[in-house]
């Protein structure tokens, strides 16, 4: 599809047809990136997206352990009972 850049204040914009937006799975919020002379419009990633998959991969590789040893505190010795 060929289209023109339109003036929006000091910026420029592109009008995208609704079927194209739906086909790409875009919503009201998107991420825009410039890469190798192109502009990419991507669905906005939610906070922590991909964390579940990354945690699962760590578990599968048996790499899901604490980085530091737990540190005992006064609370552990006096106030907490199992």
Protein backbone atom coordinates (compact mmCIF):
# COMPACT_ATOMS: atom_id res chain seq x y z
CA UNK A 1 0.00 0.00 0.00
CA UNK A 2 1.28 3.45 -0.83
CA UNK A 3 0.21 6.50 1.22
CA UNK A 4 1.39 10.00 2.09
CA UNK A 5 2.70 11.56 5.27
CA UNK A 6 0.23 14.10 6.62
CA UNK A 7 1.08 17.15 8.70
CA UNK A 8 0.05 17.01 12.37
CA UNK A 9 1.36 20.17 14.04
CA UNK A 10 5.16 20.03 13.82
CA UNK A 11 5.04 16.27 13.24
CA UNK A 12 3.96 13.99 10.43
CA UNK A 13 1.60 11.04 10.52
CA UNK A 14 0.28 8.17 8.45
CA UNK A 15 -3.38 7.13 8.29
CA UNK A 16 -3.77 3.39 8.59
CA UNK A 17 -6.92 1.67 7.29
CA UNK A 18 -8.93 -0.19 9.94
CA UNK A 19 -8.55 -3.63 8.26
CA UNK A 20 -4.76 -3.19 8.28
CA UNK A 21 -4.79 -2.27 11.99
CA UNK A 22 -6.95 -5.31 12.79
CA UNK A 23 -4.78 -7.65 10.71
CA UNK A 24 -1.67 -6.46 12.57
CA UNK A 25 -3.39 -6.90 15.96
CA UNK A 26 -2.80 -3.29 16.99
CA UNK A 27 -4.75 -1.45 19.69
CA UNK A 28 -4.80 2.19 20.80
CA UNK A 29 -1.25 2.00 22.19
CA UNK A 30 1.66 0.93 19.98
CA UNK A 31 5.46 0.96 19.99
CA UNK A 32 7.18 2.80 17.15
CA UNK A 33 10.80 2.06 16.22
CA UNK A 34 13.14 3.12 13.45
CA UNK A 35 15.26 0.31 12.03
CA UNK A 36 17.42 0.14 8.91
CA UNK A 37 15.65 2.99 7.11
CA UNK A 38 12.17 1.74 8.06
CA UNK A 39 9.54 2.62 10.64
CA UNK A 40 8.10 -0.32 12.58
CA UNK A 41 4.75 -0.08 14.34
CA UNK A 42 4.36 -2.89 16.87
CA UNK A 43 1.73 -3.81 19.45
CA UNK A 44 2.66 -2.25 22.79
CA UNK A 45 4.15 -4.85 25.10
CA UNK A 46 2.55 -5.01 28.51
CA UNK A 47 4.57 -4.67 31.69
CA UNK A 48 6.53 -7.85 32.42
CA UNK A 49 5.47 -9.45 29.15
CA UNK A 50 7.61 -12.47 28.47
CA UNK A 51 8.58 -12.95 32.13
CA UNK A 52 6.52 -16.14 32.51
CA UNK A 53 8.17 -17.74 29.50
CA UNK A 54 11.64 -16.65 30.68
CA UNK A 55 10.97 -18.12 34.15
CA UNK A 56 9.80 -21.36 32.59
CA UNK A 57 12.96 -21.57 30.48
CA UNK A 58 15.11 -20.97 33.57
CA UNK A 59 13.30 -23.80 35.37
CA UNK A 60 13.77 -26.16 32.42
CA UNK A 61 17.53 -25.46 32.49
CA UNK A 62 17.61 -25.80 36.31
CA UNK A 63 18.84 -22.21 36.60
CA UNK A 64 16.03 -20.86 38.82
CA UNK A 65 17.87 -20.45 42.10
CA UNK A 66 18.66 -17.56 44.42
CA UNK A 67 21.73 -15.53 43.51
CA UNK A 68 22.62 -14.89 47.17
CA UNK A 69 22.27 -17.06 50.24
CA UNK A 70 19.35 -16.08 52.51
CA UNK A 71 20.37 -13.80 55.39
CA UNK A 72 18.88 -14.55 58.79
CA UNK A 73 17.54 -11.69 60.87
CA UNK A 74 16.32 -11.29 64.46
CA UNK A 75 12.80 -11.79 63.19
CA UNK A 76 13.71 -15.27 61.90
CA UNK A 77 15.15 -16.39 65.24
CA UNK A 78 12.64 -14.88 67.67
CA UNK A 79 9.34 -14.07 66.06
CA UNK A 80 8.89 -16.59 63.31
CA UNK A 81 7.96 -20.22 63.89
CA UNK A 82 7.21 -22.88 61.34
